[in-house]
Amino acid sequence: GRQARRVSQFHSAGLPSFSFSPHPAEGRREQAIMDAAQVRVLSVQSHVVHGYVGNKSAVLPLQVLGIEVDFVNSVQFSNHTGYGTFRGDVLDGDKLWDIVTGLQTNKLLNHSHLLTGYIGSPSLLRTILRTLAALREVRPDAIYVCDPVLGDNGKLYVPEDLVQIYREEVLPLATILTPNHFEAELLTDMSITTVDQAFAACAALHNQGVHTVVITSASLDASASEEMITLLASQRHAGAADGTTPADTRYRLDIPKIQGSYTGTGDLTAALILAWTHKLGMDHLAEALENVIASVQAVIRRTLHESGAGTELKLVQSVQDIMDPQVELKLKPLCQSEHAAVSGRSGSPSGVSG
């Protein structure tokens, strides 16, 4: 079914090959474009001139991991909104569709993945869904990795009507969803204070059509949340509805926090989840997430040590850590009734923050 088709593409991680045949020049050009696009991401996220959020956090890591990226900036600001002031422009749905039309006209809308982050208006969000529909006409197995940037710590970043659009229109189309704790609560209209509640929320998201849910930063215990951050992941298996396979595979990882709050780590995390689930295959989600966490931790540690807590990410300086993550924390699958914490072997204090 639909979910099985989504998963099957993860097992073809080979490099693109070019084959030219004695067709007219235009035919050869179109074939070359299709071959090059075997693994190519269309990323629609925010952009800042200074600093690292949105596409500035996502594009470089994907590229150094060998994945081509075409990116569209949902906003173009001088700096992220955490500064005292910011200036710039916001993309609307009509402008995005104009860009997409240009891609379609030149037969360039043939991406294997769509990645989205901050989307600030209903017009733009619905045009992204229109773009996804057009993309899946060309590549029915296209993967949609959705980072539903809605808010954090109880505060919305976007208009309230966007939440309902995500619930009703986006979730049925998303392959991988990467909400934080607050966003998972918003999307499911469920309170999450325990691991059982968190996985119940994941199940609700699966029921909407999402294959893989990664809650990237959950705070589940008041005493522990000051020192630890919890990553929870759940996959819905093809055939689960008829009881032929276990309903969900679930993972938990408790991660020591690093001092400070860092903007752009969620965007980095979503991009790396896309990269490593593609490179390793969705059947190896635990290993993919271990690589993701190792890289994000390394970036945060370098940022803290080189420029201080809460400063702009040292992304360029961390390229080697992105290309060759040194895994310290290990995940393992949990039974649905087994929600004990899984932590990694001992090492220097590290974690994902922000």
Protein backbone atom coordinates (compact mmCIF):
# COMPACT_ATOMS: atom_id res chain seq x y z
CA GLY A 1 0.00 0.00 0.00
CA ARG A 2 0.91 3.65 0.30
CA GLN A 3 3.12 3.14 3.36
CA ALA A 4 4.93 0.17 1.80
CA ARG A 5 5.73 2.22 -1.30
CA ARG A 6 7.09 4.97 0.92
CA VAL A 7 9.41 2.57 2.72
CA SER A 8 10.66 0.68 -0.32
CA GLN A 9 12.59 3.62 -1.72
CA PHE A 10 14.83 3.75 1.32
CA HIS A 11 16.59 0.59 0.17
CA SER A 12 17.96 2.15 -3.02
CA ALA A 13 20.84 4.27 -1.80
CA GLY A 14 23.17 3.94 -4.78
CA LEU A 15 24.92 6.85 -6.43
CA PRO A 16 23.25 8.33 -9.53
CA SER A 17 24.53 7.02 -12.85
CA PHE A 18 24.36 8.79 -16.18
CA SER A 19 23.38 6.91 -19.34
CA PHE A 20 23.22 8.58 -22.72
CA SER A 21 21.45 7.06 -25.72
CA PRO A 22 21.33 8.12 -29.37
CA HIS A 23 18.24 10.26 -28.92
CA PRO A 24 17.90 13.92 -29.87
CA ALA A 25 19.84 16.35 -27.72
CA GLU A 26 16.76 17.43 -25.78
CA GLY A 27 15.96 13.82 -24.89
CA ARG A 28 19.52 13.25 -23.69
CA ARG A 29 19.33 16.41 -21.57
CA GLU A 30 16.07 15.31 -19.94
CA GLN A 31 17.46 11.83 -19.25
CA ALA A 32 20.56 13.34 -17.64
CA ILE A 33 18.37 15.55 -15.45
CA MET A 34 16.32 12.55 -14.31
CA ASP A 35 19.44 10.49 -13.59
CA ALA A 36 21.03 13.28 -11.55
CA ALA A 37 17.80 13.70 -9.61
CA GLN A 38 17.74 10.12 -8.32
CA VAL A 39 18.68 11.51 -4.92
CA ARG A 40 17.87 15.20 -4.73
CA VAL A 41 16.16 17.19 -2.00
CA LEU A 42 13.84 20.15 -2.44
CA SER A 43 14.17 22.09 0.83
CA VAL A 44 11.70 24.88 1.67
CA GLN A 45 12.77 26.64 4.86
CA SER A 46 13.77 29.98 6.28
CA HIS A 47 17.05 31.70 5.46
CA VAL A 48 19.17 34.21 7.36
CA VAL A 49 22.09 36.21 6.05
CA HIS A 50 23.92 35.93 9.36
CA GLY A 51 23.81 32.77 11.45
CA TYR A 52 22.46 29.26 11.07
CA VAL A 53 18.76 28.44 11.02
CA GLY A 54 16.50 26.86 8.42
CA ASN A 55 18.22 26.23 5.12
CA LYS A 56 21.47 27.65 6.49
CA SER A 57 21.47 24.74 9.00
CA ALA A 58 20.15 22.09 6.61
CA VAL A 59 21.75 22.51 3.19
CA LEU A 60 25.45 22.21 4.02
CA PRO A 61 25.07 19.00 6.09
CA LEU A 62 23.07 17.36 3.30
CA GLN A 63 25.64 18.38 0.71
CA VAL A 64 28.68 17.14 2.62
CA LEU A 65 26.85 13.81 3.05
CA GLY A 66 26.65 13.57 -0.72
CA ILE A 67 23.04 14.64 -1.28
CA GLU A 68 22.12 17.28 -3.85
CA VAL A 69 19.84 20.04 -2.53
CA ASP A 70 17.69 22.57 -4.34
CA PHE A 71 16.48 25.08 -1.76
CA VAL A 72 13.77 27.71 -1.58
CA ASN A 73 13.82 30.29 1.21
CA SER A 74 10.44 30.72 2.92
CA VAL A 75 11.81 33.91 4.47
CA GLN A 76 15.01 35.85 3.90
CA PHE A 77 15.97 37.76 7.02
CA SER A 78 19.06 39.61 8.13
CA ASN A 79 19.33 37.33 11.17
CA HIS A 80 17.09 35.04 13.19
CA THR A 81 14.28 36.50 15.27
CA GLY A 82 16.05 35.91 18.57
CA TYR A 83 18.06 39.05 17.98
CA GLY A 84 16.71 42.44 19.05
CA THR A 85 15.60 43.31 15.52
CA PHE A 86 15.53 41.68 12.12
CA ARG A 87 14.67 42.82 8.60
CA GLY A 88 13.85 41.03 5.37
CA ASP A 89 11.23 39.50 3.11
CA VAL A 90 8.67 36.70 3.37
CA LEU A 91 7.76 34.35 0.52
CA ASP A 92 4.06 33.81 -0.17
CA GLY A 93 2.28 30.98 -1.92
CA ASP A 94 2.03 32.71 -5.30
CA LYS A 95 5.76 33.40 -5.39
CA LEU A 96 6.57 29.82 -4.47
CA TRP A 97 4.29 28.46 -7.16
CA ASP A 98 5.97 30.73 -9.71
CA ILE A 99 9.28 29.09 -8.81
CA VAL A 100 7.75 25.62 -8.96
CA THR A 101 6.23 26.38 -12.36
CA GLY A 102 9.69 27.26 -13.63
CA LEU A 103 11.00 23.92 -12.38
CA GLN A 104 8.10 22.07 -13.98
CA THR A 105 8.50 23.85 -17.32
CA ASN A 106 12.13 22.74 -17.51
CA LYS A 107 11.31 19.24 -16.18
CA LEU A 108 13.35 19.92 -13.05
CA LEU A 109 10.67 19.06 -10.49
CA ASN A 110 11.81 15.46 -9.99
CA HIS A 111 13.15 15.38 -6.44
CA SER A 112 13.39 12.24 -4.33
CA HIS A 113 12.69 14.14 -1.09
CA LEU A 114 10.81 17.23 0.05
CA LEU A 115 12.06 18.82 3.28
CA THR A 116 10.15 21.62 4.98
CA GLY A 117 10.78 23.66 8.10
CA TYR A 118 9.45 27.07 9.12
CA ILE A 119 6.38 27.97 7.05
CA GLY A 120 4.72 31.14 8.27
CA SER A 121 1.41 31.38 6.39
CA PRO A 122 -1.51 29.21 5.24
CA SER A 123 -0.91 30.37 1.66
CA LEU A 124 2.66 29.11 1.63
CA LEU A 125 1.86 25.86 3.45
CA ARG A 126 -0.94 24.94 1.06
CA THR A 127 1.28 25.76 -1.93
CA ILE A 128 3.89 23.40 -0.51
CA LEU A 129 1.25 20.67 -0.46
CA ARG A 130 0.38 21.56 -4.05
CA THR A 131 4.08 21.27 -4.86
CA LEU A 132 4.24 17.86 -3.19
CA ALA A 133 1.27 16.66 -5.24
CA ALA A 134 2.97 17.81 -8.44
CA LEU A 135 6.21 16.16 -7.36
CA ARG A 136 4.51 12.84 -6.62
CA GLU A 137 2.94 12.86 -10.07
CA VAL A 138 6.52 12.58 -11.37
CA ARG A 139 7.94 10.50 -8.50
CA PRO A 140 5.15 8.69 -6.64
CA ASP A 141 7.64 7.40 -4.06
CA ALA A 142 8.93 10.88 -3.12
CA ILE A 143 9.60 11.13 0.60
CA TYR A 144 8.24 14.10 2.56
CA VAL A 145 10.27 14.96 5.66
CA CYS A 146 8.25 17.52 7.61
CA ASP A 147 9.67 19.49 10.52
CA PRO A 148 6.45 21.14 11.75
CA VAL A 149 7.93 24.35 13.11
CA LEU A 150 4.99 25.65 15.16
CA GLY A 151 6.51 26.70 18.47
CA ASP A 152 8.32 25.56 21.59
CA ASN A 153 7.99 25.69 25.36
CA GLY A 154 4.28 26.49 25.17
CA LYS A 155 4.66 29.42 22.74
CA LEU A 156 3.43 29.48 19.14
CA TYR A 157 5.74 30.88 16.45
CA VAL A 158 3.06 30.85 13.74
CA PRO A 159 -0.61 31.85 13.30
CA GLU A 160 -2.97 29.49 15.13
CA ASP A 161 -4.82 28.47 11.96
CA LEU A 162 -1.66 26.78 10.70
CA VAL A 163 -1.99 24.11 13.40
CA GLN A 164 -5.29 22.87 11.96
CA ILE A 165 -3.86 22.81 8.43
CA TYR A 166 -0.99 20.67 9.63
CA ARG A 167 -3.39 18.31 11.41
CA GLU A 168 -5.86 17.90 8.58
CA GLU A 169 -3.84 18.40 5.40
CA VAL A 170 -0.12 17.89 6.08
CA LEU A 171 -0.03 14.83 8.35
CA PRO A 172 -1.73 12.49 5.84
CA LEU A 173 1.02 13.28 3.32
CA ALA A 174 4.13 13.30 5.53
CA THR A 175 6.50 10.33 5.51
CA ILE A 176 8.73 11.45 8.39
CA LEU A 177 7.65 13.96 11.04
CA THR A 178 10.07 15.60 13.49
CA PRO A 179 8.11 17.62 16.07
CA ASN A 180 9.42 18.81 19.40
CA HIS A 181 7.47 18.10 22.59
CA PHE A 182 5.17 21.12 22.28
CA GLU A 183 4.53 20.53 18.57
CA ALA A 184 3.62 16.89 19.17
CA GLU A 185 1.04 18.05 21.72
CA LEU A 186 -0.36 20.65 19.31
CA LEU A 187 -0.64 18.24 16.40
CA THR A 188 -2.42 15.55 18.42
CA ASP A 189 -4.33 17.76 20.88
CA MET A 190 -2.93 15.50 23.60
CA SER A 191 -1.07 16.29 26.80
CA ILE A 192 2.32 14.58 26.98
CA THR A 193 3.86 14.18 30.42
CA THR A 194 4.86 10.49 30.34
CA VAL A 195 6.50 8.11 27.91
CA ASP A 196 3.22 6.22 27.45
CA GLN A 197 1.47 9.45 26.54
CA ALA A 198 4.26 10.35 24.12
CA PHE A 199 3.96 7.03 22.29
CA ALA A 200 0.17 7.35 22.29
CA ALA A 201 0.69 10.67 20.50
CA CYS A 202 3.02 8.94 18.04
CA ALA A 203 0.33 6.32 17.40
CA ALA A 204 -2.20 9.07 16.73
CA LEU A 205 0.19 10.60 14.20
CA HIS A 206 0.69 7.20 12.56
CA ASN A 207 -3.08 6.87 12.30
CA GLN A 208 -3.07 10.11 10.33
CA GLY A 209 -0.68 8.56 7.80
CA VAL A 210 2.84 9.39 9.08
CA HIS A 211 5.24 6.46 8.71
CA THR A 212 8.00 7.62 11.08
CA VAL A 213 7.69 10.04 14.01
CA VAL A 214 10.72 11.41 15.86
CA ILE A 215 9.91 13.61 18.86
CA THR A 216 13.26 15.33 18.98
CA SER A 217 13.20 16.97 22.41
CA ALA A 218 10.75 15.74 25.01
CA SER A 219 10.79 16.73 28.69
CA LEU A 220 8.98 13.93 30.51
CA ASP A 221 10.23 14.14 34.11
CA ALA A 222 10.42 17.45 35.95
CA SER A 223 13.45 16.45 37.99
CA ALA A 224 15.33 14.93 35.07
CA SER A 225 14.40 17.52 32.43
CA GLU A 226 16.89 20.03 33.80
CA GLU A 227 19.74 17.62 33.05
CA MET A 228 18.38 15.37 30.29
CA ILE A 229 16.48 15.67 27.07
CA THR A 230 14.60 12.69 25.63
CA LEU A 231 14.36 11.60 22.01
CA LEU A 232 11.46 9.29 21.19
CA ALA A 233 10.90 7.62 17.84
CA SER A 234 8.18 5.38 16.46
CA GLN A 235 7.65 3.60 13.15
CA ARG A 236 4.40 2.19 11.82
CA HIS A 237 4.95 -0.99 9.82
CA ALA A 238 3.23 -1.85 6.58
CA GLY A 239 0.53 -4.43 7.30
CA ALA A 240 0.10 -3.29 10.91
CA ALA A 241 -3.58 -2.57 10.42
CA ASP A 242 -4.39 -6.24 9.79
CA GLY A 243 -2.27 -7.48 12.68
CA THR A 244 0.29 -9.29 10.53
CA THR A 245 3.20 -7.39 12.05
CA PRO A 246 3.78 -5.56 15.35
CA ALA A 247 1.93 -2.26 15.24
CA ASP A 248 4.85 0.05 15.96
CA THR A 249 8.57 -0.15 16.60
CA ARG A 250 9.54 2.30 19.33
CA TYR A 251 12.79 3.81 20.55
CA ARG A 252 13.86 6.03 23.43
CA LEU A 253 17.13 7.80 24.14
CA ASP A 254 17.85 10.01 27.17
CA ILE A 255 20.58 12.52 26.36
CA PRO A 256 22.52 14.72 28.80
CA LYS A 257 21.96 18.40 28.01
CA ILE A 258 24.69 20.79 26.98
CA GLN A 259 24.82 24.23 28.56
CA GLY A 260 22.90 26.85 26.60
CA SER A 261 20.07 27.04 24.09
CA TYR A 262 21.06 26.97 20.43
CA THR A 263 18.98 28.18 17.49
CA GLY A 264 18.98 26.00 14.38
CA THR A 265 19.58 22.60 16.00
CA GLY A 266 16.08 21.39 15.11
CA ASP A 267 16.63 22.28 11.45
CA LEU A 268 19.99 20.51 11.53
CA THR A 269 18.43 17.45 13.16
CA ALA A 270 15.64 17.13 10.56
CA ALA A 271 18.12 17.40 7.69
CA LEU A 272 20.39 14.75 9.19
CA ILE A 273 17.43 12.43 9.80
CA LEU A 274 16.61 12.72 6.10
CA ALA A 275 20.23 12.05 5.13
CA TRP A 276 20.89 9.06 7.36
CA THR A 277 17.53 7.34 6.85
CA HIS A 278 18.24 7.55 3.14
CA LYS A 279 21.84 6.38 3.38
CA LEU A 280 21.19 3.50 5.79
CA GLY A 281 17.59 2.63 4.98
CA MET A 282 14.54 3.07 7.12
CA ASP A 283 14.96 -0.43 8.52
CA HIS A 284 18.02 0.96 10.32
CA LEU A 285 16.33 3.90 12.03
CA ALA A 286 18.13 3.36 15.34
CA GLU A 287 21.57 3.55 13.70
CA ALA A 288 20.48 6.57 11.66
CA LEU A 289 19.35 8.42 14.79
CA GLU A 290 22.58 7.53 16.61
CA ASN A 291 24.53 9.20 13.80
CA VAL A 292 22.22 12.21 13.87
CA ILE A 293 22.58 12.73 17.63
CA ALA A 294 26.36 12.25 17.49
CA SER A 295 26.71 14.97 14.86
CA VAL A 296 24.34 17.43 16.53
CA GLN A 297 26.09 16.94 19.87
CA ALA A 298 29.46 17.54 18.27
CA VAL A 299 28.26 20.76 16.64
CA ILE A 300 26.84 22.04 19.93
CA ARG A 301 29.94 21.11 21.91
CA ARG A 302 32.20 22.89 19.44
CA THR A 303 29.96 25.95 19.51
CA LEU A 304 30.03 26.05 23.32
CA HIS A 305 33.79 25.58 23.54
CA GLU A 306 34.74 27.97 20.74
CA SER A 307 32.27 30.81 21.12
CA GLY A 308 30.14 30.26 24.22
CA ALA A 309 26.70 29.07 25.26
CA GLY A 310 23.78 30.04 23.02
CA THR A 311 25.87 31.48 20.19
CA GLU A 312 25.50 30.80 16.47
CA LEU A 313 26.29 27.21 15.52
CA LYS A 314 29.84 26.42 14.42
CA LEU A 315 28.52 24.45 11.48
CA VAL A 316 31.33 24.95 8.96
CA GLN A 317 33.93 24.08 11.57
CA SER A 318 32.02 20.85 12.32
CA VAL A 319 31.89 19.40 8.80
CA GLN A 320 34.07 16.43 9.74
CA ASP A 321 31.74 15.60 12.64
CA ILE A 322 28.82 15.61 10.20
CA MET A 323 30.58 13.42 7.67
CA ASP A 324 31.98 10.96 10.23
CA PRO A 325 29.87 11.01 13.42
CA GLN A 326 31.43 9.42 16.49
CA VAL A 327 28.56 7.61 18.15
CA GLU A 328 28.51 7.60 21.96
CA LEU A 329 24.79 7.04 22.65
CA LYS A 330 23.05 3.89 21.46
CA LEU A 331 19.37 3.16 20.86
CA LYS A 332 17.56 -0.14 20.88
CA PRO A 333 13.96 -1.02 20.08
CA LEU A 334 11.46 -1.05 22.95
CA CYS A 335 8.46 -3.31 23.27
CA GLN A 336 5.22 -1.38 23.51
CA SER A 337 5.08 -2.22 27.20
CA GLU A 338 8.78 -1.57 27.75
CA HIS A 339 9.38 2.14 28.02
CA ALA A 340 12.46 2.13 30.21
CA ALA A 341 15.13 4.65 29.39
CA VAL A 342 17.91 3.61 27.06
CA SER A 343 21.13 5.56 27.55
CA GLY A 344 24.51 5.35 25.88
CA ARG A 345 27.83 4.29 27.23
CA SER A 346 29.61 6.80 29.40
CA GLY A 347 31.39 9.74 27.83
CA SER A 348 31.72 13.46 28.11
CA PRO A 349 28.50 15.29 29.02
CA SER A 350 26.67 16.02 25.81
CA GLY A 351 23.20 16.40 24.41
CA VAL A 352 20.83 18.14 22.07
CA SER A 353 19.51 21.50 23.17
CA GLY A 354 17.39 24.13 21.57
